[in-house]
Amino acid sequence: MTPSTSATVDSAPATPVRVALLNDYEVVAHGLAAMMRRYDHQIEVVELSAGLGVHEHVDVALYDTFAQVQGDRVDLEDLVADGDIGHVVVFSWNVAPTVVRAALDRGVHGYLSKTLPAGQLVECILAIARGRVIVDTGEDDRIAGGDWPGREEGLTAREAEVLALITQGLSNNDIAERTGVSINSVKSYIRSAYRRIGVTTRPTAILWGIEHGFRPDHMRVRNPHIPGSSR
């Protein structure tokens, strides 16, 4: 099936589309739920999952890649094969064509950029629930909504993700591989994050992260061949 690059929904569904939000950080999942709250007549968030797992039937599982394995490496086949999930969607700012293609090849029904505003995100989810395959990679590098650990401390979403991965014990090279950004960009995010939180060394940054909610609420077993991956 050829994916569409945008979605237009003509009318609200007769009953709200049931959605599970999947991320190891509860603050991220709750932020996504808050982002879509004004659309609760169209979207019903029935699960906020810290870690991969859905415990009741949902029409759409939205996999948020913040501090997670990217959309070309997570065990998407397991999600796609889950009988309790109607459609699987990756929600990420890593929209490299190779990553998107790999996710689609694993059977996901959508790949959506974190630059999408709430209304457009909801339109895409509704279209996917109706059986369309949607890819929308957005238009710029801003983060439209949601939440992340450290936001109240002034950290940007990118800085927070890098700090979360540092707190998980990943090296700079692992972080670059995990997030799909260059090693120089990783170092730049680290420097700016350190300035914002007032630390100068990695050990103190890790301690700060532990004290400020940067440890995942659920830690999956890692595959040693894929930094930070699930089993």
Protein backbone atom coordinates (compact mmCIF):
# COMPACT_ATOMS: atom_id res chain seq x y z
CA MET A 1 0.00 0.00 0.00
CA THR A 2 1.33 3.43 -0.95
CA PRO A 3 1.27 5.80 2.05
CA SER A 4 -0.50 9.14 1.84
CA THR A 5 1.43 12.20 2.95
CA SER A 6 -1.46 14.03 4.59
CA ALA A 7 -4.95 13.36 5.88
CA THR A 8 -8.27 15.19 5.76
CA VAL A 9 -11.15 14.00 7.91
CA ASP A 10 -14.61 15.04 6.70
CA SER A 11 -16.52 14.33 9.89
CA ALA A 12 -16.03 13.08 13.42
CA PRO A 13 -16.33 9.30 13.91
CA ALA A 14 -19.59 8.01 15.38
CA THR A 15 -17.59 6.81 18.39
CA PRO A 16 -14.17 8.14 19.43
CA VAL A 17 -11.12 6.30 18.13
CA ARG A 18 -9.46 4.43 20.99
CA VAL A 19 -5.75 5.24 21.28
CA ALA A 20 -2.88 3.88 23.39
CA LEU A 21 0.15 6.14 23.89
CA LEU A 22 3.35 4.13 24.20
CA ASN A 23 6.49 5.56 25.82
CA ASP A 24 8.73 4.59 28.74
CA TYR A 25 8.29 8.07 30.31
CA GLU A 26 4.90 8.74 31.86
CA VAL A 27 5.35 12.51 31.54
CA VAL A 28 5.71 12.10 27.76
CA ALA A 29 2.60 9.92 27.48
CA HIS A 30 0.59 12.30 29.68
CA GLY A 31 1.84 15.25 27.63
CA LEU A 32 0.57 13.61 24.45
CA ALA A 33 -2.80 12.97 26.10
CA ALA A 34 -3.02 16.62 27.15
CA MET A 35 -2.09 17.73 23.63
CA MET A 36 -5.12 15.90 22.23
CA ARG A 37 -7.56 16.65 25.07
CA ARG A 38 -9.69 19.17 23.18
CA TYR A 39 -10.34 16.47 20.57
CA ASP A 40 -11.82 14.00 23.07
CA HIS A 41 -15.00 13.79 21.00
CA GLN A 42 -12.84 12.19 18.28
CA ILE A 43 -9.96 10.58 20.21
CA GLU A 44 -10.28 8.56 23.42
CA VAL A 45 -6.95 7.87 25.11
CA VAL A 46 -7.52 4.57 26.89
CA GLU A 47 -3.93 3.61 27.75
CA LEU A 48 -0.86 5.55 28.84
CA SER A 49 1.81 2.89 28.70
CA ALA A 50 5.19 3.23 30.41
CA GLY A 51 6.84 0.58 28.28
CA LEU A 52 5.59 -1.45 25.35
CA GLY A 53 2.39 -3.24 26.12
CA VAL A 54 -1.32 -2.82 25.50
CA HIS A 55 -3.79 -4.50 27.84
CA GLU A 56 -7.11 -3.77 26.12
CA HIS A 57 -8.21 -3.35 22.52
CA VAL A 58 -7.29 -0.06 20.90
CA ASP A 59 -7.83 1.21 17.38
CA VAL A 60 -4.42 2.91 17.23
CA ALA A 61 -1.19 2.51 19.20
CA LEU A 62 0.94 5.66 18.96
CA TYR A 63 4.60 4.84 19.63
CA ASP A 64 6.47 7.96 20.80
CA THR A 65 10.22 7.67 20.21
CA PHE A 66 11.34 10.15 22.92
CA ALA A 67 14.41 8.47 24.50
CA GLN A 68 13.26 5.21 22.91
CA VAL A 69 14.51 2.97 20.14
CA GLN A 70 13.80 4.64 16.81
CA GLY A 71 11.03 3.59 14.46
CA ASP A 72 13.26 1.40 12.32
CA ARG A 73 14.54 -0.71 15.22
CA VAL A 74 11.85 -1.17 17.85
CA ASP A 75 10.05 -4.52 17.78
CA LEU A 76 7.32 -3.13 15.59
CA GLU A 77 6.42 -6.54 14.26
CA ASP A 78 5.29 -7.51 17.77
CA LEU A 79 3.04 -4.45 17.96
CA VAL A 80 1.66 -5.00 14.46
CA ALA A 81 0.92 -8.66 15.30
CA ASP A 82 -0.79 -7.79 18.59
CA GLY A 83 -4.46 -8.68 18.27
CA ASP A 84 -5.41 -5.91 20.69
CA ILE A 85 -3.98 -3.22 18.39
CA GLY A 86 -5.78 -2.22 15.23
CA HIS A 87 -3.12 0.08 13.75
CA VAL A 88 0.44 1.00 14.76
CA VAL A 89 1.79 4.53 14.29
CA VAL A 90 5.29 5.88 14.97
CA PHE A 91 5.46 9.44 16.36
CA SER A 92 8.96 10.87 16.01
CA TRP A 93 11.17 13.80 14.99
CA ASN A 94 13.50 11.36 13.25
CA VAL A 95 11.88 11.39 9.81
CA ALA A 96 14.85 10.23 7.75
CA PRO A 97 13.48 8.44 4.65
CA THR A 98 15.38 5.23 5.44
CA VAL A 99 13.91 5.11 8.95
CA VAL A 100 10.40 5.80 7.71
CA ARG A 101 10.71 3.15 4.98
CA ALA A 102 12.03 0.56 7.43
CA ALA A 103 9.09 1.20 9.78
CA LEU A 104 6.60 0.87 6.93
CA ASP A 105 8.28 -2.35 5.84
CA ARG A 106 7.70 -3.68 9.36
CA GLY A 107 3.98 -3.14 8.89
CA VAL A 108 3.21 0.15 10.65
CA HIS A 109 0.21 2.06 9.39
CA GLY A 110 1.59 5.55 9.89
CA TYR A 111 4.72 7.59 10.55
CA LEU A 112 4.09 11.07 11.93
CA SER A 113 6.39 13.95 12.78
CA LYS A 114 6.46 15.61 16.18
CA THR A 115 6.25 18.94 14.38
CA LEU A 116 2.56 18.32 13.66
CA PRO A 117 0.10 20.51 15.59
CA ALA A 118 -2.53 18.69 17.61
CA GLY A 119 -5.33 19.11 15.07
CA GLN A 120 -3.28 17.71 12.21
CA LEU A 121 -2.01 14.85 14.39
CA VAL A 122 -5.60 13.92 15.27
CA GLU A 123 -6.64 14.07 11.60
CA CYS A 124 -3.86 11.65 10.72
CA ILE A 125 -4.80 9.26 13.54
CA LEU A 126 -8.45 9.27 12.45
CA ALA A 127 -7.50 8.57 8.83
CA ILE A 128 -5.21 5.72 9.90
CA ALA A 129 -7.99 4.25 12.06
CA ARG A 130 -10.13 4.20 8.92
CA GLY A 131 -7.57 2.10 7.09
CA ARG A 132 -5.27 4.58 5.36
CA VAL A 133 -1.47 4.48 5.62
CA ILE A 134 -0.27 8.00 6.42
CA VAL A 135 3.22 9.47 6.41
CA ASP A 136 3.49 13.12 7.45
CA THR A 137 7.02 14.34 8.10
CA GLY A 138 6.06 17.94 8.91
CA GLU A 139 7.60 21.12 7.59
CA ASP A 140 10.20 22.34 10.11
CA ASP A 141 12.19 21.35 13.20
CA ARG A 142 9.97 22.84 15.89
CA ILE A 143 8.20 20.69 18.46
CA ALA A 144 4.50 21.46 18.25
CA GLY A 145 3.30 20.14 21.58
CA GLY A 146 3.48 17.41 24.19
CA ASP A 147 5.70 17.30 27.24
CA TRP A 148 9.05 15.94 28.35
CA PRO A 149 11.08 15.67 31.55
CA GLY A 150 12.96 18.87 32.38
CA ARG A 151 10.69 21.18 30.40
CA GLU A 152 10.04 23.22 33.53
CA GLU A 153 13.81 23.60 33.92
CA GLY A 154 14.06 25.20 30.49
CA LEU A 155 15.33 22.17 28.58
CA THR A 156 14.24 21.85 24.98
CA ALA A 157 12.77 18.54 23.85
CA ARG A 158 16.00 17.59 22.06
CA GLU A 159 18.18 18.52 25.05
CA ALA A 160 15.87 16.56 27.34
CA GLU A 161 16.02 13.47 25.15
CA VAL A 162 19.82 13.52 25.07
CA LEU A 163 19.96 14.02 28.84
CA ALA A 164 17.50 11.14 29.32
CA LEU A 165 19.74 8.87 27.27
CA ILE A 166 22.79 10.00 29.24
CA THR A 167 20.91 9.16 32.42
CA GLN A 168 20.21 5.70 30.97
CA GLY A 169 23.96 5.23 30.56
CA LEU A 170 24.37 5.59 26.80
CA SER A 171 27.58 6.97 25.31
CA ASN A 172 27.64 9.88 22.85
CA ASN A 173 28.08 7.48 19.94
CA ASP A 174 25.19 5.35 21.18
CA ILE A 175 23.01 8.46 21.50
CA ALA A 176 23.85 9.56 17.95
CA GLU A 177 22.99 6.11 16.63
CA ARG A 178 19.84 5.92 18.72
CA THR A 179 18.46 9.34 17.76
CA GLY A 180 19.64 9.50 14.18
CA VAL A 181 21.49 12.82 14.62
CA SER A 182 25.18 13.53 14.10
CA ILE A 183 27.72 13.12 16.88
CA ASN A 184 28.43 16.87 16.66
CA SER A 185 24.75 17.61 17.20
CA VAL A 186 24.72 15.29 20.22
CA LYS A 187 27.70 17.15 21.70
CA SER A 188 25.98 20.48 21.04
CA TYR A 189 22.80 19.34 22.81
CA ILE A 190 24.87 18.10 25.73
CA ARG A 191 26.69 21.41 26.10
CA SER A 192 23.48 23.44 26.00
CA ALA A 193 21.71 21.04 28.39
CA TYR A 194 24.59 21.22 30.86
CA ARG A 195 24.44 25.02 30.79
CA ARG A 196 20.71 25.02 31.48
CA ILE A 197 20.94 22.67 34.48
CA GLY A 198 24.21 24.06 35.84
CA VAL A 199 26.49 21.01 35.60
CA THR A 200 29.86 20.48 33.93
CA THR A 201 30.48 16.71 34.05
CA ARG A 202 28.66 13.60 32.93
CA PRO A 203 28.45 12.03 36.42
CA THR A 204 26.82 15.16 37.85
CA ALA A 205 24.48 15.31 34.84
CA ILE A 206 23.45 11.70 35.52
CA LEU A 207 22.81 12.47 39.18
CA TRP A 208 20.79 15.52 38.19
CA GLY A 209 18.81 13.42 35.74
CA ILE A 210 18.04 10.76 38.35
CA GLU A 211 16.87 13.43 40.79
CA HIS A 212 14.67 15.17 38.20
CA GLY A 213 12.74 12.30 36.63
CA PHE A 214 14.99 11.34 33.74
CA ARG A 215 15.07 7.64 34.53
CA PRO A 216 12.45 5.71 32.55
CA ASP A 217 9.33 4.68 34.42
CA HIS A 218 9.83 1.29 32.75
CA MET A 219 13.20 -0.16 31.67
CA ARG A 220 13.23 -2.82 29.01
CA VAL A 221 15.98 -5.40 28.54
CA ARG A 222 18.47 -4.15 25.99
CA ASN A 223 19.78 -5.92 22.93
CA PRO A 224 23.57 -5.45 23.17
CA HIS A 225 23.75 -4.97 19.41
CA ILE A 226 21.31 -2.04 19.39
CA PRO A 227 22.00 0.72 21.95
CA GLY A 228 19.02 1.11 24.23
CA SER A 229 16.90 -1.34 22.29
CA SER A 230 14.20 -3.62 23.53
CA ARG A 231 14.89 -7.31 23.82
